[in-house]
Amino acid sequence: MTGRSELEARGAGDGEERLDRIALAAADGLSRRQLVKLGGAFALAALATRPPTVARAAKALAHQAKTVIRGSCQEQKRKECSPGSPARGEWYPGCPQSVPNGNTSSFNGCGPEAGIDLPILGHGDWIPDTPFDLANFFYACEGHDCCYGTCGNEKAGCDSNFLGSMIKACEQEWPQKSIAESILNTQDYLLCLAVAAVYHHEVSATQTGQEAYNAGQKEVCECCMDCETYASVTGALDAKWWTACPEEDGEYACVSTCGSEANCGACGVTCPDQCGEGSCQKGACQDGKCVYEPGVLSYCTDCQGMEDCYK
């Protein structure tokens, strides 16, 4: 068996690369995909054929003592949007610019916060923090929860770090630094890696994992959008006329320059009355231009008479 020192000599790499190397070196040429598929079978076989040893029972007690059930992740201060994208809205997948909304996410260990419904066992937290007492994955799961709950983090990076943390936990519980340790620990070490691969697969390659990431980002992020995008998202019919204009307090706001008498065609352009020979003609903004014709009203030809035009 290739020892840990040789694996480290090849370079640490990210979690997925490390699992590839370990799988190839320690599991007789198995690929990461094959290791993931075998992980569930290994786990069930372990329950059926391997009663807990004294060493693993001691590890189970240590794991219970160290595990924290729930807590708060690092605080994220609310951040303003840029002047070019001043509109704030609810975060959505594909948001062009995410900013923290000031909320703080939480962690609850391995498994979804709302629990899982199983046909026989009912509702509960069925994803253990210390699977089969092989290693304590709680801190890896805590980091993963908080990574998903940090505004702007990429999902792939969170998942890769999660895998790397679980592999380190396996290495700490079942070291391979000597021949004696390899003989004693190899079987549990490989089983630990297989379970880690299963955990990683569930968050990185399933719709459930994607939904968990989306929920985490939606909780702590708002989406900054340029004004045209914001108008389109909110259903304004004259979205192409929307732009960011400065306000008196120095902030920027999204306005429609289509029929606005204060921002006609561009920020700050007004349509003052034209007066002459004892009469005045009221100016009106029409399609972003000032128009001086008797009876003309301010409107956009694209949505004349529709109130949604002026949202």
C-alpha atoms as a PDB file:
ATOM      1  CA  MET A   1       0.000   0.000   0.000  1.00  0.00           C
ATOM      2  CA  THR A   2       1.240   3.472  -0.775  1.00  0.00           C
ATOM      3  CA  GLY A   3       1.777   5.354   2.466  1.00  0.00           C
ATOM      4  CA  ARG A   4       0.534   8.829   3.322  1.00  0.00           C
ATOM      5  CA  SER A   5       4.037  10.340   2.971  1.00  0.00           C
ATOM      6  CA  GLU A   6       4.252   9.257  -0.661  1.00  0.00           C
ATOM      7  CA  LEU A   7       0.837  10.709  -1.415  1.00  0.00           C
ATOM      8  CA  GLU A   8       1.828  14.019   0.156  1.00  0.00           C
ATOM      9  CA  ALA A   9       5.064  14.018  -1.836  1.00  0.00           C
ATOM     10  CA  ARG A  10       2.994  14.132  -5.017  1.00  0.00           C
ATOM     11  CA  GLY A  11       1.459  17.433  -3.914  1.00  0.00           C
ATOM     12  CA  ALA A  12      -1.527  18.209  -1.742  1.00  0.00           C
ATOM     13  CA  GLY A  13      -3.936  19.383  -4.453  1.00  0.00           C
ATOM     14  CA  ASP A  14      -7.603  19.943  -3.827  1.00  0.00           C
ATOM     15  CA  GLY A  15      -9.930  17.396  -2.292  1.00  0.00           C
ATOM     16  CA  GLU A  16     -11.056  15.704  -5.505  1.00  0.00           C
ATOM     17  CA  GLU A  17      -7.507  15.340  -6.847  1.00  0.00           C
ATOM     18  CA  ARG A  18      -6.374  13.882  -3.535  1.00  0.00           C
ATOM     19  CA  LEU A  19      -9.196  11.347  -3.595  1.00  0.00           C
ATOM     20  CA  ASP A  20      -8.246  10.364  -7.139  1.00  0.00           C
ATOM     21  CA  ARG A  21      -4.674   9.722  -6.014  1.00  0.00           C
ATOM     22  CA  ILE A  22      -5.714   7.819  -2.904  1.00  0.00           C
ATOM     23  CA  ALA A  23      -8.234   5.747  -4.827  1.00  0.00           C
ATOM     24  CA  LEU A  24      -5.661   4.783  -7.431  1.00  0.00           C
ATOM     25  CA  ALA A  25      -2.897   4.110  -4.918  1.00  0.00           C
ATOM     26  CA  ALA A  26      -4.848   2.463  -2.132  1.00  0.00           C
ATOM     27  CA  ALA A  27      -7.823   0.774  -3.752  1.00  0.00           C
ATOM     28  CA  ASP A  28      -6.151  -1.266  -6.479  1.00  0.00           C
ATOM     29  CA  GLY A  29      -6.683   1.192  -9.293  1.00  0.00           C
ATOM     30  CA  LEU A  30     -10.274   2.200  -8.570  1.00  0.00           C
ATOM     31  CA  SER A  31     -11.306   5.527 -10.035  1.00  0.00           C
ATOM     32  CA  ARG A  32     -13.017   8.151  -7.901  1.00  0.00           C
ATOM     33  CA  ARG A  33     -16.336   7.405  -9.658  1.00  0.00           C
ATOM     34  CA  GLN A  34     -15.973   3.680  -8.872  1.00  0.00           C
ATOM     35  CA  LEU A  35     -15.019   4.441  -5.293  1.00  0.00           C
ATOM     36  CA  VAL A  36     -18.159   6.557  -4.914  1.00  0.00           C
ATOM     37  CA  LYS A  37     -20.347   3.730  -6.244  1.00  0.00           C
ATOM     38  CA  LEU A  38     -18.731   1.215  -3.905  1.00  0.00           C
ATOM     39  CA  GLY A  39     -18.954   3.489  -0.878  1.00  0.00           C
ATOM     40  CA  GLY A  40     -22.542   2.614  -0.015  1.00  0.00           C
ATOM     41  CA  ALA A  41     -21.868  -1.125  -0.366  1.00  0.00           C
ATOM     42  CA  PHE A  42     -18.795  -0.872   1.873  1.00  0.00           C
ATOM     43  CA  ALA A  43     -20.818   0.985   4.479  1.00  0.00           C
ATOM     44  CA  LEU A  44     -23.631  -1.580   4.561  1.00  0.00           C
ATOM     45  CA  ALA A  45     -21.166  -4.452   4.640  1.00  0.00           C
ATOM     46  CA  ALA A  46     -19.399  -2.845   7.578  1.00  0.00           C
ATOM     47  CA  LEU A  47     -22.625  -2.727   9.579  1.00  0.00           C
ATOM     48  CA  ALA A  48     -23.460  -6.354   8.770  1.00  0.00           C
ATOM     49  CA  THR A  49     -20.068  -8.018   9.206  1.00  0.00           C
ATOM     50  CA  ARG A  50     -17.859  -5.857  11.456  1.00  0.00           C
ATOM     51  CA  PRO A  51     -18.846  -5.466  15.101  1.00  0.00           C
ATOM     52  CA  PRO A  52     -17.368  -2.389  16.841  1.00  0.00           C
ATOM     53  CA  THR A  53     -13.895  -2.900  18.273  1.00  0.00           C
ATOM     54  CA  VAL A  54     -12.686  -1.411  21.538  1.00  0.00           C
ATOM     55  CA  ALA A  55     -10.652   1.131  19.605  1.00  0.00           C
ATOM     56  CA  ARG A  56     -13.623   2.212  17.506  1.00  0.00           C
ATOM     57  CA  ALA A  57     -15.861   2.345  20.571  1.00  0.00           C
ATOM     58  CA  ALA A  58     -13.363   4.684  22.201  1.00  0.00           C
ATOM     59  CA  LYS A  59     -13.333   6.821  19.068  1.00  0.00           C
ATOM     60  CA  ALA A  60     -17.129   6.957  19.149  1.00  0.00           C
ATOM     61  CA  LEU A  61     -17.072   8.386  22.688  1.00  0.00           C
ATOM     62  CA  ALA A  62     -14.418  10.912  21.703  1.00  0.00           C
ATOM     63  CA  HIS A  63     -16.439  11.940  18.656  1.00  0.00           C
ATOM     64  CA  GLN A  64     -19.546  12.486  20.758  1.00  0.00           C
ATOM     65  CA  ALA A  65     -17.625  14.631  23.202  1.00  0.00           C
ATOM     66  CA  LYS A  66     -16.234  16.842  20.452  1.00  0.00           C
ATOM     67  CA  THR A  67     -19.335  17.234  18.327  1.00  0.00           C
ATOM     68  CA  VAL A  68     -21.323  20.466  18.525  1.00  0.00           C
ATOM     69  CA  ILE A  69     -24.942  20.276  17.388  1.00  0.00           C
ATOM     70  CA  ARG A  70     -25.595  23.751  16.004  1.00  0.00           C
ATOM     71  CA  GLY A  71     -24.030  27.202  15.783  1.00  0.00           C
ATOM     72  CA  SER A  72     -23.650  30.401  13.796  1.00  0.00           C
ATOM     73  CA  CYS A  73     -21.190  30.971  10.981  1.00  0.00           C
ATOM     74  CA  GLN A  74     -19.009  34.057  10.659  1.00  0.00           C
ATOM     75  CA  GLU A  75     -20.906  37.337  10.460  1.00  0.00           C
ATOM     76  CA  GLN A  76     -21.144  38.990   7.060  1.00  0.00           C
ATOM     77  CA  LYS A  77     -21.682  42.739   6.981  1.00  0.00           C
ATOM     78  CA  ARG A  78     -24.177  44.154   4.526  1.00  0.00           C
ATOM     79  CA  LYS A  79     -22.505  45.446   1.376  1.00  0.00           C
ATOM     80  CA  GLU A  80     -23.773  48.076  -1.034  1.00  0.00           C
ATOM     81  CA  CYS A  81     -24.166  47.537  -4.735  1.00  0.00           C
ATOM     82  CA  SER A  82     -21.979  49.329  -7.254  1.00  0.00           C
ATOM     83  CA  PRO A  83     -23.238  52.582  -8.871  1.00  0.00           C
ATOM     84  CA  GLY A  84     -23.576  50.815 -12.212  1.00  0.00           C
ATOM     85  CA  SER A  85     -25.834  48.130 -10.712  1.00  0.00           C
ATOM     86  CA  PRO A  86     -27.722  49.904  -7.930  1.00  0.00           C
ATOM     87  CA  ALA A  87     -30.882  47.798  -7.895  1.00  0.00           C
ATOM     88  CA  ARG A  88     -31.152  45.204  -5.130  1.00  0.00           C
ATOM     89  CA  GLY A  89     -33.383  42.193  -5.470  1.00  0.00           C
ATOM     90  CA  GLU A  90     -33.773  38.637  -4.221  1.00  0.00           C
ATOM     91  CA  TRP A  91     -30.803  36.397  -5.038  1.00  0.00           C
ATOM     92  CA  TYR A  92     -31.356  33.936  -7.876  1.00  0.00           C
ATOM     93  CA  PRO A  93     -29.097  31.409  -9.667  1.00  0.00           C
ATOM     94  CA  GLY A  94     -27.096  33.262 -12.293  1.00  0.00           C
ATOM     95  CA  CYS A  95     -27.196  36.562 -10.402  1.00  0.00           C
ATOM     96  CA  PRO A  96     -24.591  38.841 -12.054  1.00  0.00           C
ATOM     97  CA  GLN A  97     -23.403  40.395  -8.762  1.00  0.00           C
ATOM     98  CA  SER A  98     -24.108  38.992  -5.298  1.00  0.00           C
ATOM     99  CA  VAL A  99     -23.658  41.088  -2.159  1.00  0.00           C
ATOM    100  CA  PRO A 100     -24.182  40.139   1.513  1.00  0.00           C
ATOM    101  CA  ASN A 101     -27.532  41.228   2.909  1.00  0.00           C
ATOM    102  CA  GLY A 102     -26.328  41.215   6.521  1.00  0.00           C
ATOM    103  CA  ASN A 103     -27.847  37.861   7.517  1.00  0.00           C
ATOM    104  CA  THR A 104     -25.714  35.267   9.301  1.00  0.00           C
ATOM    105  CA  SER A 105     -26.000  31.624   8.315  1.00  0.00           C
ATOM    106  CA  SER A 106     -25.829  28.658  10.669  1.00  0.00           C
ATOM    107  CA  PHE A 107     -24.427  25.121  10.706  1.00  0.00           C
ATOM    108  CA  ASN A 108     -25.982  21.932  12.033  1.00  0.00           C
ATOM    109  CA  GLY A 109     -23.460  19.216  11.209  1.00  0.00           C
ATOM    110  CA  CYS A 110     -23.933  16.629   8.482  1.00  0.00           C
ATOM    111  CA  GLY A 111     -27.315  16.304   6.811  1.00  0.00           C
ATOM    112  CA  PRO A 112     -29.943  18.894   5.884  1.00  0.00           C
ATOM    113  CA  GLU A 113     -31.194  21.192   8.628  1.00  0.00           C
ATOM    114  CA  ALA A 114     -34.809  20.200   8.001  1.00  0.00           C
ATOM    115  CA  GLY A 115     -34.032  16.491   8.319  1.00  0.00           C
ATOM    116  CA  ILE A 116     -34.954  13.660   5.963  1.00  0.00           C
ATOM    117  CA  ASP A 117     -38.084  11.538   5.638  1.00  0.00           C
ATOM    118  CA  LEU A 118     -37.381   7.800   5.422  1.00  0.00           C
ATOM    119  CA  PRO A 119     -40.214   5.302   4.793  1.00  0.00           C
ATOM    120  CA  ILE A 120     -39.437   3.035   7.754  1.00  0.00           C
ATOM    121  CA  LEU A 121     -37.570   5.261  10.181  1.00  0.00           C
ATOM    122  CA  GLY A 122     -39.732   8.364   9.715  1.00  0.00           C
ATOM    123  CA  HIS A 123     -38.464  11.938   9.946  1.00  0.00           C
ATOM    124  CA  GLY A 124     -35.092  12.799  11.451  1.00  0.00           C
ATOM    125  CA  ASP A 125     -31.410  13.533  11.011  1.00  0.00           C
ATOM    126  CA  TRP A 126     -30.253  10.307   9.394  1.00  0.00           C
ATOM    127  CA  ILE A 127     -26.878  11.559   8.118  1.00  0.00           C
ATOM    128  CA  PRO A 128     -24.391  10.815  10.929  1.00  0.00           C
ATOM    129  CA  ASP A 129     -21.542  13.163  11.813  1.00  0.00           C
ATOM    130  CA  THR A 130     -19.376  10.137  12.703  1.00  0.00           C
ATOM    131  CA  PRO A 131     -20.410   7.424  10.215  1.00  0.00           C
ATOM    132  CA  PHE A 132     -19.670   3.952  11.643  1.00  0.00           C
ATOM    133  CA  ASP A 133     -17.298   5.669  14.099  1.00  0.00           C
ATOM    134  CA  LEU A 134     -14.738   5.821  11.306  1.00  0.00           C
ATOM    135  CA  ALA A 135     -13.969   9.539  11.639  1.00  0.00           C
ATOM    136  CA  ASN A 136     -15.519  12.744  12.895  1.00  0.00           C
ATOM    137  CA  PHE A 137     -16.927  14.508   9.823  1.00  0.00           C
ATOM    138  CA  PHE A 138     -18.771  17.124  11.870  1.00  0.00           C
ATOM    139  CA  TYR A 139     -16.185  19.859  11.346  1.00  0.00           C
ATOM    140  CA  ALA A 140     -16.019  19.133   7.614  1.00  0.00           C
ATOM    141  CA  CYS A 141     -19.819  19.428   7.495  1.00  0.00           C
ATOM    142  CA  GLU A 142     -19.715  22.608   9.568  1.00  0.00           C
ATOM    143  CA  GLY A 143     -17.264  24.152   7.129  1.00  0.00           C
ATOM    144  CA  HIS A 144     -19.424  23.056   4.208  1.00  0.00           C
ATOM    145  CA  ASP A 145     -22.576  24.556   5.737  1.00  0.00           C
ATOM    146  CA  CYS A 146     -20.812  27.857   6.333  1.00  0.00           C
ATOM    147  CA  CYS A 147     -19.237  27.816   2.881  1.00  0.00           C
ATOM    148  CA  TYR A 148     -22.666  27.488   1.264  1.00  0.00           C
ATOM    149  CA  GLY A 149     -23.847  30.210   3.654  1.00  0.00           C
ATOM    150  CA  THR A 150     -21.145  32.724   2.691  1.00  0.00           C
ATOM    151  CA  CYS A 151     -22.310  35.108   0.003  1.00  0.00           C
ATOM    152  CA  GLY A 152     -20.461  34.780  -3.272  1.00  0.00           C
ATOM    153  CA  ASN A 153     -18.782  31.420  -2.640  1.00  0.00           C
ATOM    154  CA  GLU A 154     -18.657  29.040  -5.592  1.00  0.00           C
ATOM    155  CA  LYS A 155     -20.368  25.701  -5.043  1.00  0.00           C
ATOM    156  CA  ALA A 156     -17.591  23.622  -6.618  1.00  0.00           C
ATOM    157  CA  GLY A 157     -14.986  25.126  -4.293  1.00  0.00           C
ATOM    158  CA  CYS A 158     -17.134  24.438  -1.223  1.00  0.00           C
ATOM    159  CA  ASP A 159     -17.655  20.819  -2.280  1.00  0.00           C
ATOM    160  CA  SER A 160     -13.965  20.262  -3.008  1.00  0.00           C
ATOM    161  CA  ASN A 161     -12.924  21.697   0.366  1.00  0.00           C
ATOM    162  CA  PHE A 162     -15.551  19.505   2.040  1.00  0.00           C
ATOM    163  CA  LEU A 163     -14.033  16.395   0.511  1.00  0.00           C
ATOM    164  CA  GLY A 164     -10.525  17.467   1.450  1.00  0.00           C
ATOM    165  CA  SER A 165     -11.572  18.017   5.083  1.00  0.00           C
ATOM    166  CA  MET A 166     -13.148  14.555   5.288  1.00  0.00           C
ATOM    167  CA  ILE A 167     -10.033  12.948   3.827  1.00  0.00           C
ATOM    168  CA  LYS A 168      -7.915  14.698   6.467  1.00  0.00           C
ATOM    169  CA  ALA A 169     -10.261  13.391   9.148  1.00  0.00           C
ATOM    170  CA  CYS A 170      -9.783   9.854   7.812  1.00  0.00           C
ATOM    171  CA  GLU A 171      -6.015  10.307   7.752  1.00  0.00           C
ATOM    172  CA  GLN A 172      -5.995  11.520  11.354  1.00  0.00           C
ATOM    173  CA  GLU A 173      -8.135   8.623  12.608  1.00  0.00           C
ATOM    174  CA  TRP A 174      -6.375   5.885  10.645  1.00  0.00           C
ATOM    175  CA  PRO A 175      -2.748   7.006  10.082  1.00  0.00           C
ATOM    176  CA  GLN A 176      -0.522   5.197   7.595  1.00  0.00           C
ATOM    177  CA  LYS A 177       2.855   6.500   8.733  1.00  0.00           C
ATOM    178  CA  SER A 178       4.386   3.109   9.441  1.00  0.00           C
ATOM    179  CA  ILE A 179       4.094  -0.484   8.243  1.00  0.00           C
ATOM    180  CA  ALA A 180       2.410  -1.433  11.515  1.00  0.00           C
ATOM    181  CA  GLU A 181      -0.165   1.333  11.152  1.00  0.00           C
ATOM    182  CA  SER A 182      -0.830   0.328   7.566  1.00  0.00           C
ATOM    183  CA  ILE A 183      -1.479  -3.268   8.618  1.00  0.00           C
ATOM    184  CA  LEU A 184      -3.782  -2.255  11.461  1.00  0.00           C
ATOM    185  CA  ASN A 185      -5.585   0.677   9.844  1.00  0.00           C
ATOM    186  CA  THR A 186      -5.811   0.063   6.113  1.00  0.00           C
ATOM    187  CA  GLN A 187      -9.267  -1.537   6.075  1.00  0.00           C
ATOM    188  CA  ASP A 188     -10.866   1.174   8.213  1.00  0.00           C
ATOM    189  CA  TYR A 189      -8.982   3.878   6.331  1.00  0.00           C
ATOM    190  CA  LEU A 190     -10.281   2.717   2.954  1.00  0.00           C
ATOM    191  CA  LEU A 191     -13.807   2.375   4.307  1.00  0.00           C
ATOM    192  CA  CYS A 192     -13.538   5.905   5.704  1.00  0.00           C
ATOM    193  CA  LEU A 193     -12.468   7.211   2.295  1.00  0.00           C
ATOM    194  CA  ALA A 194     -15.366   5.420   0.627  1.00  0.00           C
ATOM    195  CA  VAL A 195     -17.888   6.971   3.006  1.00  0.00           C
ATOM    196  CA  ALA A 196     -16.290  10.391   2.473  1.00  0.00           C
ATOM    197  CA  ALA A 197     -16.706   9.892  -1.272  1.00  0.00           C
ATOM    198  CA  VAL A 198     -20.398   9.092  -0.796  1.00  0.00           C
ATOM    199  CA  TYR A 199     -20.931  12.226   1.303  1.00  0.00           C
ATOM    200  CA  HIS A 200     -19.134  14.303  -1.307  1.00  0.00           C
ATOM    201  CA  HIS A 201     -21.133  12.811  -4.152  1.00  0.00           C
ATOM    202  CA  GLU A 202     -24.422  13.647  -2.434  1.00  0.00           C
ATOM    203  CA  VAL A 203     -23.614  17.355  -2.232  1.00  0.00           C
ATOM    204  CA  SER A 204     -21.695  17.753  -5.492  1.00  0.00           C
ATOM    205  CA  ALA A 205     -23.618  15.636  -8.004  1.00  0.00           C
ATOM    206  CA  THR A 206     -27.276  15.691  -6.955  1.00  0.00           C
ATOM    207  CA  GLN A 207     -30.169  18.116  -7.268  1.00  0.00           C
ATOM    208  CA  THR A 208     -30.500  18.053  -3.499  1.00  0.00           C
ATOM    209  CA  GLY A 209     -26.975  19.411  -3.172  1.00  0.00           C
ATOM    210  CA  GLN A 210     -27.691  22.153  -5.711  1.00  0.00           C
ATOM    211  CA  GLU A 211     -30.864  23.132  -3.882  1.00  0.00           C
ATOM    212  CA  ALA A 212     -28.967  23.293  -0.586  1.00  0.00           C
ATOM    213  CA  TYR A 213     -26.412  25.646  -2.135  1.00  0.00           C
ATOM    214  CA  ASN A 214     -29.127  27.831  -3.656  1.00  0.00           C
ATOM    215  CA  ALA A 215     -30.942  28.036  -0.322  1.00  0.00           C
ATOM    216  CA  GLY A 216     -27.735  29.019   1.452  1.00  0.00           C
ATOM    217  CA  GLN A 217     -26.942  31.803  -0.989  1.00  0.00           C
ATOM    218  CA  LYS A 218     -30.530  33.067  -1.025  1.00  0.00           C
ATOM    219  CA  GLU A 219     -30.461  33.381   2.763  1.00  0.00           C
ATOM    220  CA  VAL A 220     -27.357  35.579   2.928  1.00  0.00           C
ATOM    221  CA  CYS A 221     -27.236  37.341  -0.461  1.00  0.00           C
ATOM    222  CA  GLU A 222     -29.070  39.938  -2.453  1.00  0.00           C
ATOM    223  CA  CYS A 223     -28.630  40.362  -6.174  1.00  0.00           C
ATOM    224  CA  CYS A 224     -27.289  43.626  -7.595  1.00  0.00           C
ATOM    225  CA  MET A 225     -28.521  44.296 -11.098  1.00  0.00           C
ATOM    226  CA  ASP A 226     -28.204  47.005 -13.670  1.00  0.00           C
ATOM    227  CA  CYS A 227     -31.426  48.943 -14.053  1.00  0.00           C
ATOM    228  CA  GLU A 228     -32.517  47.389 -17.334  1.00  0.00           C
ATOM    229  CA  THR A 229     -32.162  43.889 -15.874  1.00  0.00           C
ATOM    230  CA  TYR A 230     -33.997  44.923 -12.727  1.00  0.00           C
ATOM    231  CA  ALA A 231     -36.862  46.397 -14.750  1.00  0.00           C
ATOM    232  CA  SER A 232     -37.125  43.206 -16.798  1.00  0.00           C
ATOM    233  CA  VAL A 233     -37.113  40.999 -13.686  1.00  0.00           C
ATOM    234  CA  THR A 234     -39.819  43.099 -12.022  1.00  0.00           C
ATOM    235  CA  GLY A 235     -41.993  43.107 -15.148  1.00  0.00           C
ATOM    236  CA  ALA A 236     -41.708  46.738 -16.285  1.00  0.00           C
ATOM    237  CA  LEU A 237     -42.674  46.984 -19.951  1.00  0.00           C
ATOM    238  CA  ASP A 238     -40.273  49.827 -20.741  1.00  0.00           C
ATOM    239  CA  ALA A 239     -37.186  48.033 -19.380  1.00  0.00           C
ATOM    240  CA  LYS A 240     -34.946  49.273 -22.207  1.00  0.00           C
ATOM    241  CA  TRP A 241     -35.420  52.868 -20.977  1.00  0.00           C
ATOM    242  CA  TRP A 242     -34.303  52.236 -17.380  1.00  0.00           C
ATOM    243  CA  THR A 243     -30.980  53.558 -16.134  1.00  0.00           C
ATOM    244  CA  ALA A 244     -29.179  54.498 -12.901  1.00  0.00           C
ATOM    245  CA  CYS A 245     -29.433  58.179 -11.937  1.00  0.00           C
ATOM    246  CA  PRO A 246     -27.814  59.949  -8.961  1.00  0.00           C
ATOM    247  CA  GLU A 247     -29.956  61.225  -6.104  1.00  0.00           C
ATOM    248  CA  GLU A 248     -29.444  64.125  -3.696  1.00  0.00           C
ATOM    249  CA  ASP A 249     -27.869  61.877  -1.042  1.00  0.00           C
ATOM    250  CA  GLY A 250     -25.205  60.693  -3.490  1.00  0.00           C
ATOM    251  CA  GLU A 251     -26.759  57.250  -3.946  1.00  0.00           C
ATOM    252  CA  TYR A 252     -28.023  55.946  -7.275  1.00  0.00           C
ATOM    253  CA  ALA A 253     -31.537  54.818  -8.103  1.00  0.00           C
ATOM    254  CA  CYS A 254     -33.121  53.115 -11.099  1.00  0.00           C
ATOM    255  CA  VAL A 255     -35.502  55.314 -13.091  1.00  0.00           C
ATOM    256  CA  SER A 256     -37.277  55.064 -16.416  1.00  0.00           C
ATOM    257  CA  THR A 257     -36.130  57.796 -18.788  1.00  0.00           C
ATOM    258  CA  CYS A 258     -38.961  57.038 -21.198  1.00  0.00           C
ATOM    259  CA  GLY A 259     -41.636  59.336 -19.859  1.00  0.00           C
ATOM    260  CA  SER A 260     -40.041  60.974 -16.805  1.00  0.00           C
ATOM    261  CA  GLU A 261     -40.182  64.778 -16.766  1.00  0.00           C
ATOM    262  CA  ALA A 262     -37.183  64.819 -14.404  1.00  0.00           C
ATOM    263  CA  ASN A 263     -35.054  62.338 -16.362  1.00  0.00           C
ATOM    264  CA  CYS A 264     -36.185  62.519 -19.962  1.00  0.00           C
ATOM    265  CA  GLY A 265     -33.906  60.395 -22.133  1.00  0.00           C
ATOM    266  CA  ALA A 266     -31.010  60.848 -19.678  1.00  0.00           C
ATOM    267  CA  CYS A 267     -30.442  61.589 -16.015  1.00  0.00           C
ATOM    268  CA  GLY A 268     -31.379  65.131 -15.004  1.00  0.00           C
ATOM    269  CA  VAL A 269     -32.933  66.157 -18.329  1.00  0.00           C
ATOM    270  CA  THR A 270     -36.202  68.060 -17.741  1.00  0.00           C
ATOM    271  CA  CYS A 271     -38.885  69.378 -20.070  1.00  0.00           C
ATOM    272  CA  PRO A 272     -39.611  72.955 -18.934  1.00  0.00           C
ATOM    273  CA  ASP A 273     -42.573  74.916 -20.265  1.00  0.00           C
ATOM    274  CA  GLN A 274     -41.976  76.970 -23.391  1.00  0.00           C
ATOM    275  CA  CYS A 275     -43.551  80.401 -23.136  1.00  0.00           C
ATOM    276  CA  GLY A 276     -44.056  83.166 -25.683  1.00  0.00           C
ATOM    277  CA  GLU A 277     -46.515  85.931 -26.584  1.00  0.00           C
ATOM    278  CA  GLY A 278     -48.459  85.573 -23.351  1.00  0.00           C
ATOM    279  CA  SER A 279     -48.943  81.790 -23.436  1.00  0.00           C
ATOM    280  CA  CYS A 280     -46.984  78.756 -22.348  1.00  0.00           C
ATOM    281  CA  GLN A 281     -46.859  75.272 -23.795  1.00  0.00           C
ATOM    282  CA  LYS A 282     -46.273  72.526 -21.240  1.00  0.00           C
ATOM    283  CA  GLY A 283     -43.447  70.181 -22.157  1.00  0.00           C
ATOM    284  CA  ALA A 284     -43.909  66.444 -22.010  1.00  0.00           C
ATOM    285  CA  CYS A 285     -41.447  63.537 -22.138  1.00  0.00           C
ATOM    286  CA  GLN A 286     -42.353  61.068 -24.841  1.00  0.00           C
ATOM    287  CA  ASP A 287     -40.099  58.146 -25.744  1.00  0.00           C
ATOM    288  CA  GLY A 288     -37.179  59.859 -24.042  1.00  0.00           C
ATOM    289  CA  LYS A 289     -37.596  63.205 -25.850  1.00  0.00           C
ATOM    290  CA  CYS A 290     -39.190  66.470 -24.834  1.00  0.00           C
ATOM    291  CA  VAL A 291     -42.277  67.152 -26.952  1.00  0.00           C
ATOM    292  CA  TYR A 292     -44.153  70.482 -27.153  1.00  0.00           C
ATOM    293  CA  GLU A 293     -47.449  69.836 -28.885  1.00  0.00           C
ATOM    294  CA  PRO A 294     -50.924  70.764 -27.644  1.00  0.00           C
ATOM    295  CA  GLY A 295     -52.556  67.862 -25.822  1.00  0.00           C
ATOM    296  CA  VAL A 296     -49.494  65.584 -25.775  1.00  0.00           C
ATOM    297  CA  LEU A 297     -49.102  63.436 -22.648  1.00  0.00           C
ATOM    298  CA  SER A 298     -46.032  61.844 -21.093  1.00  0.00           C
ATOM    299  CA  TYR A 299     -45.976  58.222 -22.104  1.00  0.00           C
ATOM    300  CA  CYS A 300     -43.903  55.548 -23.851  1.00  0.00           C
ATOM    301  CA  THR A 301     -45.242  54.345 -27.173  1.00  0.00           C
ATOM    302  CA  ASP A 302     -44.198  50.794 -26.292  1.00  0.00           C
ATOM    303  CA  CYS A 303     -46.706  50.698 -23.434  1.00  0.00           C
ATOM    304  CA  GLN A 304     -49.112  53.602 -23.972  1.00  0.00           C
ATOM    305  CA  GLY A 305     -51.958  53.588 -21.501  1.00  0.00           C
ATOM    306  CA  MET A 306     -50.488  50.722 -19.446  1.00  0.00           C
ATOM    307  CA  GLU A 307     -49.761  51.519 -15.824  1.00  0.00           C
ATOM    308  CA  ASP A 308     -47.015  48.898 -15.666  1.00  0.00           C
ATOM    309  CA  CYS A 309     -44.949  51.196 -17.856  1.00  0.00           C
ATOM    310  CA  TYR A 310     -44.293  53.494 -14.873  1.00  0.00           C
ATOM    311  CA  LYS A 311     -43.450  50.985 -12.155  1.00  0.00           C
END
